[in-house]
Amino acid sequence: MSVGIDEQMKKWFSFIVDTDRLYAVDGVTSHEDLVDEFGLEDGVDVKIVRCRLCPLAEFSLDYDKWEFLAEQDIIPDWFVEEEWKQKSIKYLQDNPSHMEVQLADKRIK
């Protein structure tokens, strides 16, 4: 499958991490909705990191070629980008329903 990337696709897989867990909900692309859904602490003491994993120029299920973004200004010392990229890829591989929901959502819009 090969389709061009638009702004909606750039929000493909949004999730939040803390020191030992990845938080995601099928079809949810808003970090603030995820904070609310899981009751995460979001204050001066940075305990979470907002992340996205999204395809680059062409859509592909080769997640290693996707761009990983930590979307906040202050990143805590415990956060290792490559480690969380690999964990997010594993999450998508282990949860194919997430991709099915996202694909259906992107086709409808």
Foldseek 3Di string as FASTA:
>chain_A
DKDFDDPLQQLQFKWKDFLPDIFGDQPDSDPVVRCVVVVPDDDPPDGMWIKGWGADGIDDLPSVRTDIDGPDDDDDPSDDRVVVSVVVNVVCVVCVVSVVSSVVVVVVD
